[in-house]
PDB file of N, CA and C in Angstrom:
ATOM      1  N   MET A   1     111.008 172.953 130.171  1.00  0.00           N
ATOM      2  CA  MET A   1     111.356 173.290 129.068  1.00  0.00           C
ATOM      3  C   MET A   1     109.716 173.746 128.142  1.00  0.00           C
ATOM      4  N   SER A   2     109.848 174.912 127.651  1.00  0.00           N
ATOM      5  CA  SER A   2     108.525 175.338 127.525  1.00  0.00           C
ATOM      6  C   SER A   2     108.507 175.698 125.918  1.00  0.00           C
ATOM      7  N   LEU A   3     107.885 174.892 125.309  1.00  0.00           N
ATOM      8  CA  LEU A   3     108.159 174.977 123.987  1.00  0.00           C
ATOM      9  C   LEU A   3     107.497 176.086 123.126  1.00  0.00           C
ATOM     10  N   ALA A   4     106.314 176.894 124.084  1.00  0.00           N
ATOM     11  CA  ALA A   4     105.639 178.102 123.465  1.00  0.00           C
ATOM     12  C   ALA A   4     106.601 179.400 123.645  1.00  0.00           C
ATOM     13  N   THR A   5     107.683 179.655 124.300  1.00  0.00           N
ATOM     14  CA  THR A   5     108.501 180.307 124.437  1.00  0.00           C
ATOM     15  C   THR A   5     109.694 180.292 123.005  1.00  0.00           C
ATOM     16  N   GLN A   6     109.822 179.449 122.651  1.00  0.00           N
ATOM     17  CA  GLN A   6     110.947 178.815 121.049  1.00  0.00           C
ATOM     18  C   GLN A   6     110.133 178.934 119.937  1.00  0.00           C
ATOM     19  N   ILE A   7     109.726 179.562 120.032  1.00  0.00           N
ATOM     20  CA  ILE A   7     108.463 179.152 118.316  1.00  0.00           C
ATOM     21  C   ILE A   7     108.966 180.511 117.846  1.00  0.00           C
ATOM     22  N   ARG A   8     109.479 180.213 116.822  1.00  0.00           N
ATOM     23  CA  ARG A   8     109.827 181.400 115.538  1.00  0.00           C
ATOM     24  C   ARG A   8     109.188 180.760 114.115  1.00  0.00           C
ATOM     25  N   PRO A   9     109.019 181.859 113.525  1.00  0.00           N
ATOM     26  CA  PRO A   9     109.012 182.182 112.277  1.00  0.00           C
ATOM     27  C   PRO A   9     109.858 181.702 111.290  1.00  0.00           C
ATOM     28  N   ILE A  10     110.211 181.036 110.135  1.00  0.00           N
ATOM     29  CA  ILE A  10     110.927 181.051 109.166  1.00  0.00           C
ATOM     30  C   ILE A  10     111.543 182.485 108.904  1.00  0.00           C
ATOM     31  N   THR A  11     111.267 182.904 108.871  1.00  0.00           N
ATOM     32  CA  THR A  11     112.294 184.608 108.882  1.00  0.00           C
ATOM     33  C   THR A  11     112.718 184.886 109.628  1.00  0.00           C
ATOM     34  N   TYR A  12     112.534 184.339 110.969  1.00  0.00           N
ATOM     35  CA  TYR A  12     113.370 184.571 111.987  1.00  0.00           C
ATOM     36  C   TYR A  12     114.911 183.707 112.033  1.00  0.00           C
ATOM     37  N   LEU A  13     115.085 182.559 111.204  1.00  0.00           N
ATOM     38  CA  LEU A  13     115.507 181.993 111.171  1.00  0.00           C
ATOM     39  C   LEU A  13     116.450 181.874 109.673  1.00  0.00           C
ATOM     40  N   LYS A  14     116.068 182.565 108.516  1.00  0.00           N
ATOM     41  CA  LYS A  14     116.608 183.312 107.652  1.00  0.00           C
ATOM     42  C   LYS A  14     117.557 184.279 108.154  1.00  0.00           C
ATOM     43  N   SER A  15     117.070 185.459 108.800  1.00  0.00           N
ATOM     44  CA  SER A  15     117.654 186.271 109.399  1.00  0.00           C
ATOM     45  C   SER A  15     118.527 186.152 110.842  1.00  0.00           C
ATOM     46  N   ASN A  16     118.648 185.134 111.934  1.00  0.00           N
ATOM     47  CA  ASN A  16     119.128 185.070 112.112  1.00  0.00           C
ATOM     48  C   ASN A  16     120.119 183.706 112.682  1.00  0.00           C
ATOM     49  N   ALA A  17     119.981 183.090 111.285  1.00  0.00           N
ATOM     50  CA  ALA A  17     120.783 181.779 111.891  1.00  0.00           C
ATOM     51  C   ALA A  17     122.235 181.885 112.473  1.00  0.00           C
ATOM     52  N   ALA A  18     123.072 182.652 112.038  1.00  0.00           N
ATOM     53  CA  ALA A  18     124.234 182.679 113.397  1.00  0.00           C
ATOM     54  C   ALA A  18     123.707 183.185 114.759  1.00  0.00           C
ATOM     55  N   ASP A  19     123.039 183.651 114.953  1.00  0.00           N
ATOM     56  CA  ASP A  19     122.728 184.684 116.329  1.00  0.00           C
ATOM     57  C   ASP A  19     121.992 182.846 117.087  1.00  0.00           C
ATOM     58  N   ILE A  20     121.441 182.436 116.366  1.00  0.00           N
ATOM     59  CA  ILE A  20     120.751 180.932 116.992  1.00  0.00           C
ATOM     60  C   ILE A  20     121.743 179.773 117.046  1.00  0.00           C
ATOM     61  N   VAL A  21     123.273 179.746 115.908  1.00  0.00           N
ATOM     62  CA  VAL A  21     123.867 178.820 116.105  1.00  0.00           C
ATOM     63  C   VAL A  21     124.678 179.198 117.726  1.00  0.00           C
ATOM     64  N   LYS A  22     124.870 180.588 117.686  1.00  0.00           N
ATOM     65  CA  LYS A  22     125.744 181.051 118.763  1.00  0.00           C
ATOM     66  C   LYS A  22     124.940 180.815 120.310  1.00  0.00           C
ATOM     67  N   GLY A  23     123.324 181.176 120.237  1.00  0.00           N
ATOM     68  CA  GLY A  23     122.766 180.501 121.321  1.00  0.00           C
ATOM     69  C   GLY A  23     122.990 179.274 121.908  1.00  0.00           C
ATOM     70  N   PHE A  24     122.928 178.871 121.102  1.00  0.00           N
ATOM     71  CA  PHE A  24     122.682 177.137 121.764  1.00  0.00           C
ATOM     72  C   PHE A  24     123.771 176.987 122.687  1.00  0.00           C
ATOM     73  N   SER A  25     124.672 177.504 122.559  1.00  0.00           N
ATOM     74  CA  SER A  25     126.016 177.656 123.730  1.00  0.00           C
ATOM     75  C   SER A  25     125.308 178.035 125.177  1.00  0.00           C
ATOM     76  N   VAL A  26     124.531 178.760 125.016  1.00  0.00           N
ATOM     77  CA  VAL A  26     123.577 179.392 126.616  1.00  0.00           C
ATOM     78  C   VAL A  26     122.687 178.834 126.909  1.00  0.00           C
ATOM     79  N   ASN A  27     121.567 178.619 125.596  1.00  0.00           N
ATOM     80  CA  ASN A  27     120.270 177.505 125.564  1.00  0.00           C
ATOM     81  C   ASN A  27     119.911 176.626 125.110  1.00  0.00           C
ATOM     82  N   PRO A  28     120.349 175.470 125.212  1.00  0.00           N
ATOM     83  CA  PRO A  28     119.959 174.359 123.748  1.00  0.00           C
ATOM     84  C   PRO A  28     118.836 173.951 123.645  1.00  0.00           C
ATOM     85  N   GLU A  29     118.171 174.696 124.419  1.00  0.00           N
ATOM     86  CA  GLU A  29     116.403 174.361 124.163  1.00  0.00           C
ATOM     87  C   GLU A  29     116.075 174.182 122.462  1.00  0.00           C
ATOM     88  N   PRO A  30     115.527 173.718 121.988  1.00  0.00           N
ATOM     89  CA  PRO A  30     115.282 173.698 120.337  1.00  0.00           C
ATOM     90  C   PRO A  30     114.787 174.509 120.312  1.00  0.00           C
ATOM     91  N   ILE A  31     114.498 175.496 118.805  1.00  0.00           N
ATOM     92  CA  ILE A  31     113.425 176.076 118.400  1.00  0.00           C
ATOM     93  C   ILE A  31     112.494 175.664 117.127  1.00  0.00           C
ATOM     94  N   ILE A  32     111.172 175.524 117.838  1.00  0.00           N
ATOM     95  CA  ILE A  32     110.254 175.338 116.899  1.00  0.00           C
ATOM     96  C   ILE A  32     109.829 176.405 115.482  1.00  0.00           C
ATOM     97  N   ILE A  33     110.571 176.111 114.302  1.00  0.00           N
ATOM     98  CA  ILE A  33     110.552 176.686 113.026  1.00  0.00           C
ATOM     99  C   ILE A  33     108.874 176.737 112.479  1.00  0.00           C
ATOM    100  N   THR A  34     107.567 178.085 112.294  1.00  0.00           N
ATOM    101  CA  THR A  34     106.628 177.655 111.617  1.00  0.00           C
ATOM    102  C   THR A  34     106.778 178.400 110.434  1.00  0.00           C
ATOM    103  N   GLN A  35     105.846 177.565 109.249  1.00  0.00           N
ATOM    104  CA  GLN A  35     105.584 178.459 107.800  1.00  0.00           C
ATOM    105  C   GLN A  35     104.157 178.416 108.185  1.00  0.00           C
ATOM    106  N   ASN A  36     103.892 179.887 106.955  1.00  0.00           N
ATOM    107  CA  ASN A  36     102.132 180.019 107.323  1.00  0.00           C
ATOM    108  C   ASN A  36     101.741 179.957 108.610  1.00  0.00           C
ATOM    109  N   GLY A  37     102.248 180.321 109.587  1.00  0.00           N
ATOM    110  CA  GLY A  37     101.774 179.694 111.128  1.00  0.00           C
ATOM    111  C   GLY A  37     101.687 178.228 110.982  1.00  0.00           C
ATOM    112  N   GLU A  38     102.271 177.592 110.878  1.00  0.00           N
ATOM    113  CA  GLU A  38     101.975 176.000 110.934  1.00  0.00           C
ATOM    114  C   GLU A  38     103.681 175.592 111.338  1.00  0.00           C
ATOM    115  N   ALA A  39     103.710 174.758 112.521  1.00  0.00           N
ATOM    116  CA  ALA A  39     105.371 173.902 113.032  1.00  0.00           C
ATOM    117  C   ALA A  39     105.251 173.371 111.707  1.00  0.00           C
ATOM    118  N   ARG A  40     106.663 173.302 111.312  1.00  0.00           N
ATOM    119  CA  ARG A  40     107.743 172.878 109.818  1.00  0.00           C
ATOM    120  C   ARG A  40     108.720 171.966 110.545  1.00  0.00           C
ATOM    121  N   MET A  41     109.568 172.410 111.475  1.00  0.00           N
ATOM    122  CA  MET A  41     110.469 172.712 111.659  1.00  0.00           C
ATOM    123  C   MET A  41     111.155 172.463 113.141  1.00  0.00           C
ATOM    124  N   VAL A  42     112.587 171.519 113.371  1.00  0.00           N
ATOM    125  CA  VAL A  42     112.902 171.996 115.002  1.00  0.00           C
ATOM    126  C   VAL A  42     114.259 172.142 114.533  1.00  0.00           C
ATOM    127  N   VAL A  43     114.818 173.088 115.255  1.00  0.00           N
ATOM    128  CA  VAL A  43     116.103 173.305 115.042  1.00  0.00           C
ATOM    129  C   VAL A  43     116.348 173.308 116.285  1.00  0.00           C
ATOM    130  N   MET A  44     117.874 172.508 116.630  1.00  0.00           N
ATOM    131  CA  MET A  44     118.093 172.224 117.790  1.00  0.00           C
ATOM    132  C   MET A  44     119.734 172.077 118.089  1.00  0.00           C
ATOM    133  N   ASP A  45     120.519 172.221 118.973  1.00  0.00           N
ATOM    134  CA  ASP A  45     121.747 171.811 119.167  1.00  0.00           C
ATOM    135  C   ASP A  45     122.451 170.833 119.015  1.00  0.00           C
ATOM    136  N   ILE A  46     123.410 170.271 118.410  1.00  0.00           N
ATOM    137  CA  ILE A  46     124.237 169.185 117.655  1.00  0.00           C
ATOM    138  C   ILE A  46     124.032 168.007 119.230  1.00  0.00           C
ATOM    139  N   ALA A  47     124.531 168.782 120.085  1.00  0.00           N
ATOM    140  CA  ALA A  47     124.500 167.565 121.285  1.00  0.00           C
ATOM    141  C   ALA A  47     123.715 167.177 122.014  1.00  0.00           C
ATOM    142  N   GLU A  48     122.596 168.278 121.984  1.00  0.00           N
ATOM    143  CA  GLU A  48     121.508 167.628 122.707  1.00  0.00           C
ATOM    144  C   GLU A  48     120.744 166.686 121.475  1.00  0.00           C
ATOM    145  N   TYR A  49     121.249 166.991 120.198  1.00  0.00           N
ATOM    146  CA  TYR A  49     120.780 166.352 119.825  1.00  0.00           C
ATOM    147  C   TYR A  49     121.176 164.971 119.358  1.00  0.00           C
ATOM    148  N   GLU A  50     122.521 164.515 119.441  1.00  0.00           N
ATOM    149  CA  GLU A  50     122.987 162.724 120.085  1.00  0.00           C
ATOM    150  C   GLU A  50     122.282 162.702 121.004  1.00  0.00           C
ATOM    151  N   LYS A  51     122.461 163.184 122.265  1.00  0.00           N
ATOM    152  CA  LYS A  51     121.841 162.911 123.344  1.00  0.00           C
ATOM    153  C   LYS A  51     120.235 162.159 123.350  1.00  0.00           C
ATOM    154  N   GLN A  52     119.935 163.226 122.814  1.00  0.00           N
ATOM    155  CA  GLN A  52     118.221 162.267 122.528  1.00  0.00           C
ATOM    156  C   GLN A  52     118.174 160.972 121.596  1.00  0.00           C
ATOM    157  N   GLN A  53     119.202 160.638 120.490  1.00  0.00           N
ATOM    158  CA  GLN A  53     119.087 160.159 120.016  1.00  0.00           C
ATOM    159  C   GLN A  53     119.804 158.369 120.743  1.00  0.00           C
ATOM    160  N   GLU A  54     120.888 158.650 121.262  1.00  0.00           N
ATOM    161  CA  GLU A  54     120.986 158.012 122.409  1.00  0.00           C
ATOM    162  C   GLU A  54     120.445 157.119 123.433  1.00  0.00           C
ATOM    163  N   THR A  55     119.102 158.458 124.051  1.00  0.00           N
ATOM    164  CA  THR A  55     117.838 157.979 124.818  1.00  0.00           C
ATOM    165  C   THR A  55     117.554 156.727 123.884  1.00  0.00           C
ATOM    166  N   ILE A  56     116.966 157.075 122.932  1.00  0.00           N
ATOM    167  CA  ILE A  56     115.665 156.568 122.003  1.00  0.00           C
ATOM    168  C   ILE A  56     116.641 154.976 121.727  1.00  0.00           C
ATOM    169  N   ALA A  57     117.729 155.069 121.558  1.00  0.00           N
ATOM    170  CA  ALA A  57     118.012 153.977 121.164  1.00  0.00           C
ATOM    171  C   ALA A  57     118.719 152.938 122.340  1.00  0.00           C
ATOM    172  N   LEU A  58     118.542 153.486 123.534  1.00  0.00           N
ATOM    173  CA  LEU A  58     118.439 152.515 125.177  1.00  0.00           C
ATOM    174  C   LEU A  58     116.772 152.394 125.204  1.00  0.00           C
ATOM    175  N   LEU A  59     115.801 153.162 124.693  1.00  0.00           N
ATOM    176  CA  LEU A  59     114.729 152.847 125.117  1.00  0.00           C
ATOM    177  C   LEU A  59     114.560 151.758 123.863  1.00  0.00           C
ATOM    178  N   LYS A  60     114.878 151.759 123.174  1.00  0.00           N
ATOM    179  CA  LYS A  60     114.299 150.253 122.165  1.00  0.00           C
ATOM    180  C   LYS A  60     115.169 149.636 122.693  1.00  0.00           C
ATOM    181  N   LEU A  61     116.435 149.252 123.144  1.00  0.00           N
ATOM    182  CA  LEU A  61     116.825 148.170 123.770  1.00  0.00           C
ATOM    183  C   LEU A  61     115.895 147.618 124.894  1.00  0.00           C
ATOM    184  N   LEU A  62     115.610 148.365 125.570  1.00  0.00           N
ATOM    185  CA  LEU A  62     114.599 148.114 126.631  1.00  0.00           C
ATOM    186  C   LEU A  62     113.500 147.589 126.487  1.00  0.00           C
ATOM    187  N   ALA A  63     112.959 147.936 125.344  1.00  0.00           N
ATOM    188  CA  ALA A  63     111.398 147.485 124.340  1.00  0.00           C
ATOM    189  C   ALA A  63     111.542 146.195 124.201  1.00  0.00           C
ATOM    190  N   LEU A  64     112.994 145.904 123.271  1.00  0.00           N
ATOM    191  CA  LEU A  64     113.110 144.493 122.509  1.00  0.00           C
ATOM    192  C   LEU A  64     113.977 143.543 123.566  1.00  0.00           C
ATOM    193  N   GLY A  65     113.958 144.285 125.044  1.00  0.00           N
ATOM    194  CA  GLY A  65     114.698 143.341 126.210  1.00  0.00           C
ATOM    195  C   GLY A  65     113.180 142.424 127.310  1.00  0.00           C
ATOM    196  N   ARG A  66     112.397 143.559 126.693  1.00  0.00           N
ATOM    197  CA  ARG A  66     110.823 143.407 127.362  1.00  0.00           C
ATOM    198  C   ARG A  66     110.336 142.531 126.676  1.00  0.00           C
ATOM    199  N   THR A  67     110.312 142.378 125.609  1.00  0.00           N
ATOM    200  CA  THR A  67     109.367 141.772 124.294  1.00  0.00           C
ATOM    201  C   THR A  67     110.327 140.201 124.868  1.00  0.00           C
ATOM    202  N   GLU A  68     111.534 140.626 124.564  1.00  0.00           N
ATOM    203  CA  GLU A  68     112.045 138.550 124.313  1.00  0.00           C
ATOM    204  C   GLU A  68     111.406 137.873 125.897  1.00  0.00           C
ATOM    205  N   PHE A  69     111.542 139.159 126.816  1.00  0.00           N
ATOM    206  CA  PHE A  69     111.565 138.497 128.394  1.00  0.00           C
ATOM    207  C   PHE A  69     109.776 137.954 128.596  1.00  0.00           C
ATOM    208  N   LYS A  70     108.788 138.975 127.945  1.00  0.00           N
ATOM    209  CA  LYS A  70     107.531 138.215 127.951  1.00  0.00           C
ATOM    210  C   LYS A  70     107.439 136.758 127.020  1.00  0.00           C
ATOM    211  N   ALA A  71     108.234 136.785 125.451  1.00  0.00           N
ATOM    212  CA  ALA A  71     107.989 135.694 124.860  1.00  0.00           C
ATOM    213  C   ALA A  71     108.753 134.290 125.600  1.00  0.00           C
ATOM    214  N   GLY A  72     109.450 134.570 127.197  1.00  0.00           N
ATOM    215  CA  GLY A  72     109.997 133.711 127.865  1.00  0.00           C
ATOM    216  C   GLY A  72     111.768 133.439 127.511  1.00  0.00           C
ATOM    217  N   HIS A  73     112.205 134.271 126.592  1.00  0.00           N
ATOM    218  CA  HIS A  73     113.511 134.383 126.043  1.00  0.00           C
ATOM    219  C   HIS A  73     114.312 134.320 127.220  1.00  0.00           C
ATOM    220  N   PHE A  74     114.882 134.000 128.144  1.00  0.00           N
ATOM    221  CA  PHE A  74     115.886 134.595 129.133  1.00  0.00           C
ATOM    222  C   PHE A  74     116.275 133.642 130.055  1.00  0.00           C
ATOM    223  N   SER A  75     117.236 133.787 130.298  1.00  0.00           N
ATOM    224  CA  SER A  75     118.179 132.546 131.151  1.00  0.00           C
ATOM    225  C   SER A  75     118.190 132.973 132.537  1.00  0.00           C
ATOM    226  N   GLU A  76     118.514 132.352 133.749  1.00  0.00           N
ATOM    227  CA  GLU A  76     118.335 132.829 134.744  1.00  0.00           C
ATOM    228  C   GLU A  76     120.087 133.378 134.997  1.00  0.00           C
ATOM    229  N   ALA A  77     119.873 134.483 135.725  1.00  0.00           N
ATOM    230  CA  ALA A  77     121.331 135.054 136.297  1.00  0.00           C
ATOM    231  C   ALA A  77     122.766 134.154 136.540  1.00  0.00           C
ATOM    232  N   GLU A  78     122.563 132.931 136.972  1.00  0.00           N
ATOM    233  CA  GLU A  78     123.372 132.213 137.486  1.00  0.00           C
ATOM    234  C   GLU A  78     123.899 131.692 136.186  1.00  0.00           C
ATOM    235  N   ASP A  79     123.362 131.284 135.480  1.00  0.00           N
ATOM    236  CA  ASP A  79     123.617 130.664 133.911  1.00  0.00           C
ATOM    237  C   ASP A  79     123.914 131.625 133.129  1.00  0.00           C
ATOM    238  N   PHE A  80     123.808 132.889 132.712  1.00  0.00           N
ATOM    239  CA  PHE A  80     124.218 133.796 132.652  1.00  0.00           C
ATOM    240  C   PHE A  80     125.899 134.266 132.708  1.00  0.00           C
ATOM    241  N   LEU A  81     125.957 134.350 134.031  1.00  0.00           N
ATOM    242  CA  LEU A  81     127.485 134.499 134.643  1.00  0.00           C
ATOM    243  C   LEU A  81     128.211 133.689 134.225  1.00  0.00           C
ATOM    244  N   ASP A  82     127.288 132.185 134.007  1.00  0.00           N
ATOM    245  CA  ASP A  82     128.784 130.924 134.243  1.00  0.00           C
ATOM    246  C   ASP A  82     129.104 131.402 132.664  1.00  0.00           C
ATOM    247  N   GLU A  83     128.255 131.449 131.967  1.00  0.00           N
ATOM    248  CA  GLU A  83     128.216 131.813 130.616  1.00  0.00           C
ATOM    249  C   GLU A  83     129.117 132.811 129.738  1.00  0.00           C
ATOM    250  N   MET A  84     128.729 133.448 130.466  1.00  0.00           N
ATOM    251  CA  MET A  84     130.299 134.754 129.868  1.00  0.00           C
ATOM    252  C   MET A  84     131.477 134.782 130.919  1.00  0.00           C
ATOM    253  N   GLY A  85     131.638 133.822 131.841  1.00  0.00           N
ATOM    254  CA  GLY A  85     132.868 133.449 132.308  1.00  0.00           C
ATOM    255  C   GLY A  85     133.603 132.648 131.663  1.00  0.00           C
ATOM    256  N   ASP A  86     132.557 131.527 130.634  1.00  0.00           N
ATOM    257  CA  ASP A  86     133.291 131.068 129.662  1.00  0.00           C
ATOM    258  C   ASP A  86     133.719 131.731 128.623  1.00  0.00           C
ATOM    259  N   VAL A  87     133.306 132.863 128.157  1.00  0.00           N
ATOM    260  CA  VAL A  87     133.534 133.186 127.437  1.00  0.00           C
ATOM    261  C   VAL A  87     134.763 134.097 126.602  1.00  0.00           C
ATOM    262  N   ALA A  88     135.365 134.791 128.536  1.00  0.00           N
ATOM    263  CA  ALA A  88     136.273 135.417 128.880  1.00  0.00           C
ATOM    264  C   ALA A  88     137.472 134.558 128.787  1.00  0.00           C
TER     265      ALA A  88
END
């Protein structure tokens, strides 16, 4: 994905909002909106946004797990599976 090809001024957003929404069905790449030549916001397809949020949540869980592991807060796999069997 090349963000450089997806940069548009705010006037483009104002005058082409409906076309932008339709365009996401063909090209889900986010669009960067500029104001006075500076990037100010990103407009993106909701499905892509949701996927991105799920990915961020999973990465946070992995980071938390890594932190817990480094702190010594873990159990052996066999003990964990035995414990899970008791719950079921």
